[in-house]
């Protein structure tokens, strides 16, 4: 086995990404982007397509969740367990939705918050399934 293949296998087994700081930077940038978009008045972010708003909420928080759980594998959150990290980000999603109450022409809806939560939970499930698969097949 070549040195490169051995190093790649060790990286895969340890669950560590080659560029952990890049993932952290993307997490921070994406989180800021979500809050910036939440700060825009509704007239600048609305669409005539039915349910597009919910798909956008779900997608934004799904990507955020993927970045969160990639960072979790890098020990970015220290000794916090995955469920606590998920709960913290679910709370932040609810705060983001409540924050929109103070933005002109924006609505706070339970459906938007549920779409935010769904994105995070789906990312959590994918992360948990991948982790379970990695635990069963550490050599793949």
C-alpha atoms as a PDB file:
ATOM      1  CA  UNK A   1       0.000   0.000   0.000  1.00  0.00           C
ATOM      2  CA  UNK A   2       1.443   3.359  -1.007  1.00  0.00           C
ATOM      3  CA  UNK A   3       1.957   6.157   1.479  1.00  0.00           C
ATOM      4  CA  UNK A   4      -0.791   8.231  -0.178  1.00  0.00           C
ATOM      5  CA  UNK A   5      -3.330   5.387  -0.024  1.00  0.00           C
ATOM      6  CA  UNK A   6      -2.419   4.640   3.591  1.00  0.00           C
ATOM      7  CA  UNK A   7      -2.787   8.306   4.540  1.00  0.00           C
ATOM      8  CA  UNK A   8      -6.151   8.503   2.724  1.00  0.00           C
ATOM      9  CA  UNK A   9      -7.367   5.388   4.554  1.00  0.00           C
ATOM     10  CA  UNK A  10      -6.214   6.793   7.922  1.00  0.00           C
ATOM     11  CA  UNK A  11      -8.032  10.048   7.170  1.00  0.00           C
ATOM     12  CA  UNK A  12     -11.222   8.160   6.280  1.00  0.00           C
ATOM     13  CA  UNK A  13     -11.018   6.016   9.414  1.00  0.00           C
ATOM     14  CA  UNK A  14     -10.434   8.966  11.696  1.00  0.00           C
ATOM     15  CA  UNK A  15     -13.392  10.825  10.172  1.00  0.00           C
ATOM     16  CA  UNK A  16     -11.248  13.894   9.677  1.00  0.00           C
ATOM     17  CA  UNK A  17     -11.495  16.054   6.587  1.00  0.00           C
ATOM     18  CA  UNK A  18      -8.337  17.155   4.846  1.00  0.00           C
ATOM     19  CA  UNK A  19      -9.266  20.834   5.200  1.00  0.00           C
ATOM     20  CA  UNK A  20     -11.174  21.274   8.495  1.00  0.00           C
ATOM     21  CA  UNK A  21     -10.735  25.044   8.623  1.00  0.00           C
ATOM     22  CA  UNK A  22     -12.384  25.361   5.185  1.00  0.00           C
ATOM     23  CA  UNK A  23     -15.490  23.568   6.447  1.00  0.00           C
ATOM     24  CA  UNK A  24     -15.609  25.869   9.486  1.00  0.00           C
ATOM     25  CA  UNK A  25     -15.328  28.932   7.279  1.00  0.00           C
ATOM     26  CA  UNK A  26     -18.175  27.690   5.042  1.00  0.00           C
ATOM     27  CA  UNK A  27     -20.321  27.018   8.118  1.00  0.00           C
ATOM     28  CA  UNK A  28     -19.807  30.562   9.383  1.00  0.00           C
ATOM     29  CA  UNK A  29     -20.353  32.114   5.939  1.00  0.00           C
ATOM     30  CA  UNK A  30     -23.532  30.081   5.353  1.00  0.00           C
ATOM     31  CA  UNK A  31     -24.931  30.947   8.792  1.00  0.00           C
ATOM     32  CA  UNK A  32     -24.266  34.652   8.197  1.00  0.00           C
ATOM     33  CA  UNK A  33     -25.867  34.407   4.735  1.00  0.00           C
ATOM     34  CA  UNK A  34     -29.036  32.912   6.247  1.00  0.00           C
ATOM     35  CA  UNK A  35     -29.261  35.768   8.755  1.00  0.00           C
ATOM     36  CA  UNK A  36     -28.593  38.386   6.061  1.00  0.00           C
ATOM     37  CA  UNK A  37     -31.376  36.920   3.904  1.00  0.00           C
ATOM     38  CA  UNK A  38     -33.650  36.897   6.966  1.00  0.00           C
ATOM     39  CA  UNK A  39     -32.938  40.599   7.402  1.00  0.00           C
ATOM     40  CA  UNK A  40     -34.178  41.578   3.944  1.00  0.00           C
ATOM     41  CA  UNK A  41     -37.695  43.011   3.649  1.00  0.00           C
ATOM     42  CA  UNK A  42     -40.198  40.580   2.133  1.00  0.00           C
ATOM     43  CA  UNK A  43     -40.556  42.550  -1.101  1.00  0.00           C
ATOM     44  CA  UNK A  44     -36.917  41.711  -1.935  1.00  0.00           C
ATOM     45  CA  UNK A  45     -37.154  37.962  -1.366  1.00  0.00           C
ATOM     46  CA  UNK A  46     -40.687  36.916  -2.296  1.00  0.00           C
ATOM     47  CA  UNK A  47     -41.703  34.709  -5.206  1.00  0.00           C
ATOM     48  CA  UNK A  48     -44.968  33.920  -6.955  1.00  0.00           C
ATOM     49  CA  UNK A  49     -44.209  30.183  -7.055  1.00  0.00           C
ATOM     50  CA  UNK A  50     -46.312  28.348  -4.476  1.00  0.00           C
ATOM     51  CA  UNK A  51     -44.281  26.597  -1.746  1.00  0.00           C
ATOM     52  CA  UNK A  52     -40.961  27.858  -3.149  1.00  0.00           C
ATOM     53  CA  UNK A  53     -40.500  29.716   0.127  1.00  0.00           C
ATOM     54  CA  UNK A  54     -40.712  26.439   2.094  1.00  0.00           C
ATOM     55  CA  UNK A  55     -38.264  24.733  -0.274  1.00  0.00           C
ATOM     56  CA  UNK A  56     -35.828  27.621   0.213  1.00  0.00           C
ATOM     57  CA  UNK A  57     -36.141  27.393   4.013  1.00  0.00           C
ATOM     58  CA  UNK A  58     -35.628  23.633   3.947  1.00  0.00           C
ATOM     59  CA  UNK A  59     -32.664  23.893   1.549  1.00  0.00           C
ATOM     60  CA  UNK A  60     -30.924  26.648   3.492  1.00  0.00           C
ATOM     61  CA  UNK A  61     -31.122  24.746   6.747  1.00  0.00           C
ATOM     62  CA  UNK A  62     -30.309  21.402   5.130  1.00  0.00           C
ATOM     63  CA  UNK A  63     -27.044  22.861   3.821  1.00  0.00           C
ATOM     64  CA  UNK A  64     -26.424  24.453   7.214  1.00  0.00           C
ATOM     65  CA  UNK A  65     -27.060  21.066   8.866  1.00  0.00           C
ATOM     66  CA  UNK A  66     -24.635  19.285   6.539  1.00  0.00           C
ATOM     67  CA  UNK A  67     -21.976  21.892   7.339  1.00  0.00           C
ATOM     68  CA  UNK A  68     -22.727  21.601  11.064  1.00  0.00           C
ATOM     69  CA  UNK A  69     -22.353  17.841  11.093  1.00  0.00           C
ATOM     70  CA  UNK A  70     -19.241  17.912   8.907  1.00  0.00           C
ATOM     71  CA  UNK A  71     -17.787  20.267  11.504  1.00  0.00           C
ATOM     72  CA  UNK A  72     -18.978  17.912  14.214  1.00  0.00           C
ATOM     73  CA  UNK A  73     -16.754  15.213  12.738  1.00  0.00           C
ATOM     74  CA  UNK A  74     -13.846  17.663  13.050  1.00  0.00           C
ATOM     75  CA  UNK A  75     -14.462  18.107  16.788  1.00  0.00           C
ATOM     76  CA  UNK A  76     -15.324  21.772  16.158  1.00  0.00           C
ATOM     77  CA  UNK A  77     -18.000  21.590  18.850  1.00  0.00           C
ATOM     78  CA  UNK A  78     -15.692  20.038  21.433  1.00  0.00           C
ATOM     79  CA  UNK A  79     -17.276  17.383  23.595  1.00  0.00           C
ATOM     80  CA  UNK A  80     -20.911  18.276  22.818  1.00  0.00           C
ATOM     81  CA  UNK A  81     -22.927  15.322  21.583  1.00  0.00           C
ATOM     82  CA  UNK A  82     -24.726  15.399  18.247  1.00  0.00           C
ATOM     83  CA  UNK A  83     -28.206  15.626  19.735  1.00  0.00           C
ATOM     84  CA  UNK A  84     -27.258  18.702  21.775  1.00  0.00           C
ATOM     85  CA  UNK A  85     -25.719  20.367  18.720  1.00  0.00           C
ATOM     86  CA  UNK A  86     -28.911  19.582  16.779  1.00  0.00           C
ATOM     87  CA  UNK A  87     -31.029  21.070  19.592  1.00  0.00           C
ATOM     88  CA  UNK A  88     -28.905  24.240  19.630  1.00  0.00           C
ATOM     89  CA  UNK A  89     -29.296  24.719  15.880  1.00  0.00           C
ATOM     90  CA  UNK A  90     -33.039  23.969  16.047  1.00  0.00           C
ATOM     91  CA  UNK A  91     -33.268  26.759  18.634  1.00  0.00           C
ATOM     92  CA  UNK A  92     -31.232  29.087  16.394  1.00  0.00           C
ATOM     93  CA  UNK A  93     -33.596  28.293  13.492  1.00  0.00           C
ATOM     94  CA  UNK A  94     -36.571  29.230  15.687  1.00  0.00           C
ATOM     95  CA  UNK A  95     -34.824  32.448  16.771  1.00  0.00           C
ATOM     96  CA  UNK A  96     -34.139  33.260  13.104  1.00  0.00           C
ATOM     97  CA  UNK A  97     -37.828  32.857  12.313  1.00  0.00           C
ATOM     98  CA  UNK A  98     -38.848  34.995  15.314  1.00  0.00           C
ATOM     99  CA  UNK A  99     -36.282  37.643  14.309  1.00  0.00           C
ATOM    100  CA  UNK A 100     -38.165  38.121  11.036  1.00  0.00           C
ATOM    101  CA  UNK A 101     -41.076  39.536  13.052  1.00  0.00           C
ATOM    102  CA  UNK A 102     -39.037  42.753  13.357  1.00  0.00           C
ATOM    103  CA  UNK A 103     -38.284  43.038   9.623  1.00  0.00           C
ATOM    104  CA  UNK A 104     -40.725  45.111   7.500  1.00  0.00           C
ATOM    105  CA  UNK A 105     -43.253  43.044   5.529  1.00  0.00           C
ATOM    106  CA  UNK A 106     -41.876  39.724   6.844  1.00  0.00           C
ATOM    107  CA  UNK A 107     -44.097  37.081   8.396  1.00  0.00           C
ATOM    108  CA  UNK A 108     -43.317  34.671  11.184  1.00  0.00           C
ATOM    109  CA  UNK A 109     -44.949  31.365  10.372  1.00  0.00           C
ATOM    110  CA  UNK A 110     -44.886  27.989  12.008  1.00  0.00           C
ATOM    111  CA  UNK A 111     -44.600  26.395   8.544  1.00  0.00           C
ATOM    112  CA  UNK A 112     -41.372  28.271   7.788  1.00  0.00           C
ATOM    113  CA  UNK A 113     -39.918  27.240  11.135  1.00  0.00           C
ATOM    114  CA  UNK A 114     -40.925  23.630  10.497  1.00  0.00           C
ATOM    115  CA  UNK A 115     -39.213  23.769   7.079  1.00  0.00           C
ATOM    116  CA  UNK A 116     -36.067  25.099   8.809  1.00  0.00           C
ATOM    117  CA  UNK A 117     -36.233  22.270  11.330  1.00  0.00           C
ATOM    118  CA  UNK A 118     -36.900  19.669   8.629  1.00  0.00           C
ATOM    119  CA  UNK A 119     -33.723  20.711   6.800  1.00  0.00           C
ATOM    120  CA  UNK A 120     -31.657  20.341   9.967  1.00  0.00           C
ATOM    121  CA  UNK A 121     -33.238  17.025  10.952  1.00  0.00           C
ATOM    122  CA  UNK A 122     -32.756  15.533   7.467  1.00  0.00           C
ATOM    123  CA  UNK A 123     -29.085  16.552   7.573  1.00  0.00           C
ATOM    124  CA  UNK A 124     -28.819  14.989  11.040  1.00  0.00           C
ATOM    125  CA  UNK A 125     -30.358  11.709   9.814  1.00  0.00           C
ATOM    126  CA  UNK A 126     -28.009  11.570   6.840  1.00  0.00           C
ATOM    127  CA  UNK A 127     -25.056  12.281   9.107  1.00  0.00           C
ATOM    128  CA  UNK A 128     -26.148   9.599  11.583  1.00  0.00           C
ATOM    129  CA  UNK A 129     -26.718   7.049   8.802  1.00  0.00           C
ATOM    130  CA  UNK A 130     -23.323   7.781   7.307  1.00  0.00           C
ATOM    131  CA  UNK A 131     -21.667   7.483  10.694  1.00  0.00           C
ATOM    132  CA  UNK A 132     -23.412   4.157  11.299  1.00  0.00           C
ATOM    133  CA  UNK A 133     -22.259   2.917   7.891  1.00  0.00           C
ATOM    134  CA  UNK A 134     -18.682   4.041   8.623  1.00  0.00           C
ATOM    135  CA  UNK A 135     -18.799   2.238  11.976  1.00  0.00           C
ATOM    136  CA  UNK A 136     -19.944  -1.002  10.304  1.00  0.00           C
ATOM    137  CA  UNK A 137     -17.444  -0.779   7.409  1.00  0.00           C
ATOM    138  CA  UNK A 138     -14.331   1.032   8.677  1.00  0.00           C
ATOM    139  CA  UNK A 139     -12.281  -0.151   5.698  1.00  0.00           C
ATOM    140  CA  UNK A 140     -14.543   1.138   2.911  1.00  0.00           C
END
